[in-house]
C-alpha atoms as a PDB file:
ATOM      1  CA  MET A   1      -1.939  -2.540   3.501  1.00  0.00           C
ATOM      2  CA  LEU A   2      -3.160   0.745   2.171  1.00  0.00           C
ATOM      3  CA  SER A   3      -2.265   3.472  -0.264  1.00  0.00           C
ATOM      4  CA  ASP A   4      -3.305   6.899  -1.443  1.00  0.00           C
ATOM      5  CA  THR A   5      -4.706   8.226   1.823  1.00  0.00           C
ATOM      6  CA  HIS A   6      -3.945  11.777   0.640  1.00  0.00           C
ATOM      7  CA  GLY A   7      -4.103  13.093   4.213  1.00  0.00           C
ATOM      8  CA  HIS A   8      -7.349  11.316   5.147  1.00  0.00           C
ATOM      9  CA  LEU A   9      -7.844   8.431   7.544  1.00  0.00           C
ATOM     10  CA  ASP A  10     -11.052   6.598   8.284  1.00  0.00           C
ATOM     11  CA  LYS A  11     -11.765   5.280  11.817  1.00  0.00           C
ATOM     12  CA  LYS A  12     -12.591   1.894  10.278  1.00  0.00           C
ATOM     13  CA  ILE A  13      -8.919   1.485   9.371  1.00  0.00           C
ATOM     14  CA  THR A  14      -8.015   1.342  13.058  1.00  0.00           C
ATOM     15  CA  SER A  15      -9.973  -1.848  13.720  1.00  0.00           C
ATOM     16  CA  TYR A  16      -8.341  -3.626  10.779  1.00  0.00           C
ATOM     17  CA  ILE A  17      -4.877  -2.436  11.762  1.00  0.00           C
ATOM     18  CA  SER A  18      -5.383  -3.669  15.327  1.00  0.00           C
ATOM     19  CA  GLN A  19      -5.732  -7.204  13.924  1.00  0.00           C
ATOM     20  CA  SER A  20      -2.415  -6.932  12.048  1.00  0.00           C
ATOM     21  CA  ASP A  21       1.212  -7.391  13.007  1.00  0.00           C
ATOM     22  CA  GLU A  22       2.435  -4.648  10.683  1.00  0.00           C
ATOM     23  CA  LEU A  23       1.085  -1.921   8.436  1.00  0.00           C
ATOM     24  CA  TRP A  24       2.380  -1.181   4.953  1.00  0.00           C
ATOM     25  CA  HIS A  25       1.554   2.065   3.108  1.00  0.00           C
ATOM     26  CA  ALA A  26       2.233   2.262  -0.646  1.00  0.00           C
ATOM     27  CA  GLY A  27       2.519   6.043  -0.905  1.00  0.00           C
ATOM     28  CA  ASP A  28       0.634   9.313  -1.298  1.00  0.00           C
ATOM     29  CA  ILE A  29       0.337   9.447   2.475  1.00  0.00           C
ATOM     30  CA  GLY A  30      -0.526  13.123   2.422  1.00  0.00           C
ATOM     31  CA  ASN A  31       0.976  14.513   5.610  1.00  0.00           C
ATOM     32  CA  LEU A  32       2.917  13.752   8.779  1.00  0.00           C
ATOM     33  CA  LYS A  33      -0.256  13.587  10.866  1.00  0.00           C
ATOM     34  CA  VAL A  34      -1.372  10.492   8.934  1.00  0.00           C
ATOM     35  CA  LEU A  35       2.107   8.953   8.974  1.00  0.00           C
ATOM     36  CA  ASP A  36       2.579   9.533  12.713  1.00  0.00           C
ATOM     37  CA  TYR A  37      -0.887   8.247  13.564  1.00  0.00           C
ATOM     38  CA  LEU A  38      -0.378   5.034  11.602  1.00  0.00           C
ATOM     39  CA  ALA A  39       3.073   4.532  13.144  1.00  0.00           C
ATOM     40  CA  SER A  40       1.544   4.903  16.617  1.00  0.00           C
ATOM     41  CA  LEU A  41      -0.764   1.932  15.951  1.00  0.00           C
ATOM     42  CA  LYS A  42       1.585  -0.717  14.584  1.00  0.00           C
ATOM     43  CA  PRO A  43       5.062  -1.035  13.095  1.00  0.00           C
ATOM     44  CA  LEU A  44       4.851   0.842   9.792  1.00  0.00           C
ATOM     45  CA  LYS A  45       6.649   0.357   6.507  1.00  0.00           C
ATOM     46  CA  SER A  46       5.938   3.217   4.104  1.00  0.00           C
ATOM     47  CA  VAL A  47       7.028   4.579   0.773  1.00  0.00           C
ATOM     48  CA  TYR A  48       6.348   8.121  -0.311  1.00  0.00           C
ATOM     49  CA  GLY A  49       4.272   9.036  -3.327  1.00  0.00           C
ATOM     50  CA  ASN A  50       4.253  11.832  -5.843  1.00  0.00           C
ATOM     51  CA  ILE A  51       2.062  14.123  -3.682  1.00  0.00           C
ATOM     52  CA  ASP A  52       4.139  13.697  -0.513  1.00  0.00           C
ATOM     53  CA  GLY A  53       6.232  16.630   0.664  1.00  0.00           C
ATOM     54  CA  ASN A  54       9.688  16.694   2.226  1.00  0.00           C
ATOM     55  CA  GLN A  55       8.522  15.913   5.764  1.00  0.00           C
ATOM     56  CA  VAL A  56       6.851  12.668   4.684  1.00  0.00           C
ATOM     57  CA  ARG A  57       9.748  11.819   2.364  1.00  0.00           C
ATOM     58  CA  LEU A  58      12.225  12.132   5.229  1.00  0.00           C
ATOM     59  CA  GLN A  59      10.300   9.477   7.181  1.00  0.00           C
ATOM     60  CA  SER A  60       9.485   7.158   4.269  1.00  0.00           C
ATOM     61  CA  SER A  61      11.449   5.498   1.490  1.00  0.00           C
ATOM     62  CA  GLU A  62      11.145   5.748  -2.265  1.00  0.00           C
ATOM     63  CA  VAL A  63      11.394   1.949  -2.527  1.00  0.00           C
ATOM     64  CA  LEU A  64      11.302  -0.774   0.097  1.00  0.00           C
ATOM     65  CA  SER A  65      12.772  -4.211  -0.506  1.00  0.00           C
ATOM     66  CA  PHE A  66      12.599  -6.662   2.377  1.00  0.00           C
ATOM     67  CA  ASN A  67      11.817 -10.224   3.389  1.00  0.00           C
ATOM     68  CA  CYS A  68       8.720 -11.067   5.421  1.00  0.00           C
ATOM     69  CA  GLU A  69       8.289 -14.620   6.695  1.00  0.00           C
ATOM     70  CA  GLY A  70      10.142 -16.046   3.692  1.00  0.00           C
ATOM     71  CA  VAL A  71       8.478 -13.804   1.087  1.00  0.00           C
ATOM     72  CA  SER A  72      10.592 -11.225  -0.745  1.00  0.00           C
ATOM     73  CA  VAL A  73       8.616  -7.968  -1.012  1.00  0.00           C
ATOM     74  CA  ILE A  74       9.021  -4.753  -2.971  1.00  0.00           C
ATOM     75  CA  ILE A  75       6.896  -1.664  -2.318  1.00  0.00           C
ATOM     76  CA  ILE A  76       6.986   1.420  -4.566  1.00  0.00           C
ATOM     77  CA  HIS A  77       4.323   4.025  -5.235  1.00  0.00           C
ATOM     78  CA  ILE A  78       4.295   4.323  -9.043  1.00  0.00           C
ATOM     79  CA  ALA A  79       4.951   1.122 -10.969  1.00  0.00           C
ATOM     80  CA  GLY A  80       2.224   0.248 -13.452  1.00  0.00           C
ATOM     81  CA  TYR A  81       0.934  -3.299 -13.506  1.00  0.00           C
ATOM     82  CA  PRO A  82       1.807  -6.662 -15.098  1.00  0.00           C
ATOM     83  CA  GLY A  83       2.575  -6.233 -18.772  1.00  0.00           C
ATOM     84  CA  LYS A  84       2.665  -2.434 -18.339  1.00  0.00           C
ATOM     85  CA  TYR A  85       5.354  -1.797 -15.689  1.00  0.00           C
ATOM     86  CA  ASN A  86       7.359   1.423 -15.913  1.00  0.00           C
ATOM     87  CA  LEU A  87      11.144   1.245 -16.359  1.00  0.00           C
ATOM     88  CA  LYS A  88      11.933   1.665 -12.660  1.00  0.00           C
ATOM     89  CA  ALA A  89       9.548  -1.150 -11.692  1.00  0.00           C
ATOM     90  CA  LYS A  90      10.987  -3.425 -14.369  1.00  0.00           C
ATOM     91  CA  ALA A  91      14.515  -2.802 -13.060  1.00  0.00           C
ATOM     92  CA  LEU A  92      13.454  -3.508  -9.453  1.00  0.00           C
ATOM     93  CA  ILE A  93      11.697  -6.719 -10.450  1.00  0.00           C
ATOM     94  CA  LYS A  94      14.733  -7.862 -12.422  1.00  0.00           C
ATOM     95  CA  LYS A  95      17.140  -7.013  -9.591  1.00  0.00           C
ATOM     96  CA  TYR A  96      15.182  -8.340  -6.583  1.00  0.00           C
ATOM     97  CA  LYS A  97      12.895 -10.992  -8.112  1.00  0.00           C
ATOM     98  CA  PRO A  98      10.158 -10.429  -5.522  1.00  0.00           C
ATOM     99  CA  LYS A  99       7.442 -12.910  -4.665  1.00  0.00           C
ATOM    100  CA  LEU A 100       5.173  -9.963  -3.744  1.00  0.00           C
ATOM    101  CA  PHE A 101       5.219  -6.645  -5.624  1.00  0.00           C
ATOM    102  CA  ILE A 102       3.154  -3.796  -4.147  1.00  0.00           C
ATOM    103  CA  CYS A 103       2.367  -0.378  -5.578  1.00  0.00           C
ATOM    104  CA  GLY A 104      -0.250   2.343  -5.324  1.00  0.00           C
ATOM    105  CA  HIS A 105      -0.881   5.522  -7.353  1.00  0.00           C
ATOM    106  CA  SER A 106      -3.624   4.346  -9.730  1.00  0.00           C
ATOM    107  CA  HIS A 107      -6.403   4.326  -7.076  1.00  0.00           C
ATOM    108  CA  ILE A 108      -7.480   1.057  -8.705  1.00  0.00           C
ATOM    109  CA  LEU A 109      -7.493  -2.047  -6.537  1.00  0.00           C
ATOM    110  CA  LYS A 110      -5.722  -4.913  -8.293  1.00  0.00           C
ATOM    111  CA  VAL A 111      -4.452  -8.296  -7.219  1.00  0.00           C
ATOM    112  CA  ILE A 112      -2.896 -10.100 -10.163  1.00  0.00           C
ATOM    113  CA  GLN A 113      -0.626 -13.106 -10.442  1.00  0.00           C
ATOM    114  CA  ASP A 114       2.164 -11.897 -12.733  1.00  0.00           C
ATOM    115  CA  LYS A 115       3.104 -15.142 -14.460  1.00  0.00           C
ATOM    116  CA  GLU A 116       5.840 -13.559 -16.564  1.00  0.00           C
ATOM    117  CA  ASN A 117       7.716 -12.260 -13.512  1.00  0.00           C
ATOM    118  CA  ASN A 118       6.570 -14.994 -11.127  1.00  0.00           C
ATOM    119  CA  HIS A 119       5.156 -12.774  -8.389  1.00  0.00           C
ATOM    120  CA  LEU A 120       1.876 -11.584  -6.933  1.00  0.00           C
ATOM    121  CA  HIS A 121       1.124  -7.969  -7.849  1.00  0.00           C
ATOM    122  CA  MET A 122      -0.998  -5.976  -5.376  1.00  0.00           C
ATOM    123  CA  ASN A 123      -2.381  -2.474  -5.454  1.00  0.00           C
ATOM    124  CA  PRO A 124      -4.697  -1.769  -2.505  1.00  0.00           C
ATOM    125  CA  GLY A 125      -6.567   0.981  -4.329  1.00  0.00           C
ATOM    126  CA  ALA A 126      -7.121   4.262  -2.496  1.00  0.00           C
ATOM    127  CA  ALA A 127      -8.078   4.641   1.167  1.00  0.00           C
ATOM    128  CA  GLY A 128      -8.445   8.426   0.925  1.00  0.00           C
ATOM    129  CA  ILE A 129     -11.283  10.668  -0.182  1.00  0.00           C
ATOM    130  CA  TYR A 130      -9.529  12.414  -3.079  1.00  0.00           C
ATOM    131  CA  GLY A 131      -9.305  11.009  -6.603  1.00  0.00           C
ATOM    132  CA  PHE A 132     -11.550   9.405  -9.172  1.00  0.00           C
ATOM    133  CA  HIS A 133     -12.155   6.091  -7.370  1.00  0.00           C
ATOM    134  CA  LYS A 134     -15.706   5.362  -6.205  1.00  0.00           C
ATOM    135  CA  LYS A 135     -14.916   3.070  -3.240  1.00  0.00           C
ATOM    136  CA  ARG A 136     -12.157   3.507  -0.672  1.00  0.00           C
ATOM    137  CA  THR A 137     -10.289   0.229  -0.246  1.00  0.00           C
ATOM    138  CA  MET A 138      -7.405  -1.487   1.483  1.00  0.00           C
ATOM    139  CA  LEU A 139      -6.060  -5.040   1.582  1.00  0.00           C
ATOM    140  CA  ARG A 140      -5.382  -7.407   4.450  1.00  0.00           C
ATOM    141  CA  PHE A 141      -3.498 -10.692   4.120  1.00  0.00           C
ATOM    142  CA  GLU A 142      -1.228 -13.048   5.979  1.00  0.00           C
ATOM    143  CA  ILE A 143       2.284 -14.122   5.171  1.00  0.00           C
ATOM    144  CA  ASP A 144       3.349 -17.344   6.838  1.00  0.00           C
ATOM    145  CA  LYS A 145       6.233 -19.667   6.017  1.00  0.00           C
ATOM    146  CA  GLY A 146       6.660 -18.292   2.516  1.00  0.00           C
ATOM    147  CA  LYS A 147       2.951 -18.281   1.669  1.00  0.00           C
ATOM    148  CA  ILE A 148       0.676 -15.308   1.026  1.00  0.00           C
ATOM    149  CA  GLN A 149      -2.786 -16.297   2.211  1.00  0.00           C
ATOM    150  CA  ASN A 150      -6.166 -15.202   3.578  1.00  0.00           C
ATOM    151  CA  LEU A 151      -6.417 -12.125   1.387  1.00  0.00           C
ATOM    152  CA  ASP A 152      -9.296  -9.772   2.217  1.00  0.00           C
ATOM    153  CA  VAL A 153     -10.430  -6.759   0.230  1.00  0.00           C
ATOM    154  CA  ILE A 154     -11.734  -4.195   2.702  1.00  0.00           C
ATOM    155  CA  GLU A 155     -14.151  -1.513   1.553  1.00  0.00           C
ATOM    156  CA  LEU A 156     -14.066   1.604   3.710  1.00  0.00           C
ATOM    157  CA  GLY A 157     -16.981   3.430   2.094  1.00  0.00           C
ATOM    158  CA  THR A 158     -17.487   5.844  -0.770  1.00  0.00           C
ATOM    159  CA  ARG A 159     -14.860   8.340  -1.839  1.00  0.00           C
ATOM    160  CA  GLY A 160     -16.477  11.473  -0.408  1.00  0.00           C
ATOM    161  CA  ASP A 161     -17.750   9.997   2.869  1.00  0.00           C
ATOM    162  CA  LEU A 162     -16.282  11.963   5.790  1.00  0.00           C
ATOM    163  CA  ALA A 163     -18.505  10.448   8.497  1.00  0.00           C
ATOM    164  CA  ASN A 164     -15.722   8.309   9.987  1.00  0.00           C
ATOM    165  CA  ALA A 165     -12.799  10.682   9.539  1.00  0.00           C
ATOM    166  CA  ILE A 166     -10.091  10.677  12.201  1.00  0.00           C
ATOM    167  CA  ASP A 167      -9.533  14.256  13.309  1.00  0.00           C
END
């Protein structure tokens, strides 16, 4: 799972994606080139973010709500975090009661058990080179028989490192 690529992809992402069944992108994809490339690797679920233009928005959703291996999932780009969710996120949580709630936007990697809403909150941080984050990150995990397990935080390098950029 990744977020906030802002039009940049690192070659390291490819090796992690190859080990996955599916790829989820939590918004601010950046352009169709990134979206199409990711979709060519694995089945892709994506939401658009605030920087994404019409072309990306036509191929992504504002919100995704689905079930994966017995886990109800919501993905949205801008949501806040436990105790500080925005109104839209609060309404989605109330309506769908997810077991896994995923967002992006902040460029800050967070994995928090939201005890009040009884779900796991994940933000993979930012995989792109633009923003205030210092490290580019993504998350990898397994969902099996209703359990979220084997979570890995993957560091892709420093924010400005272009050495492994996919052209």
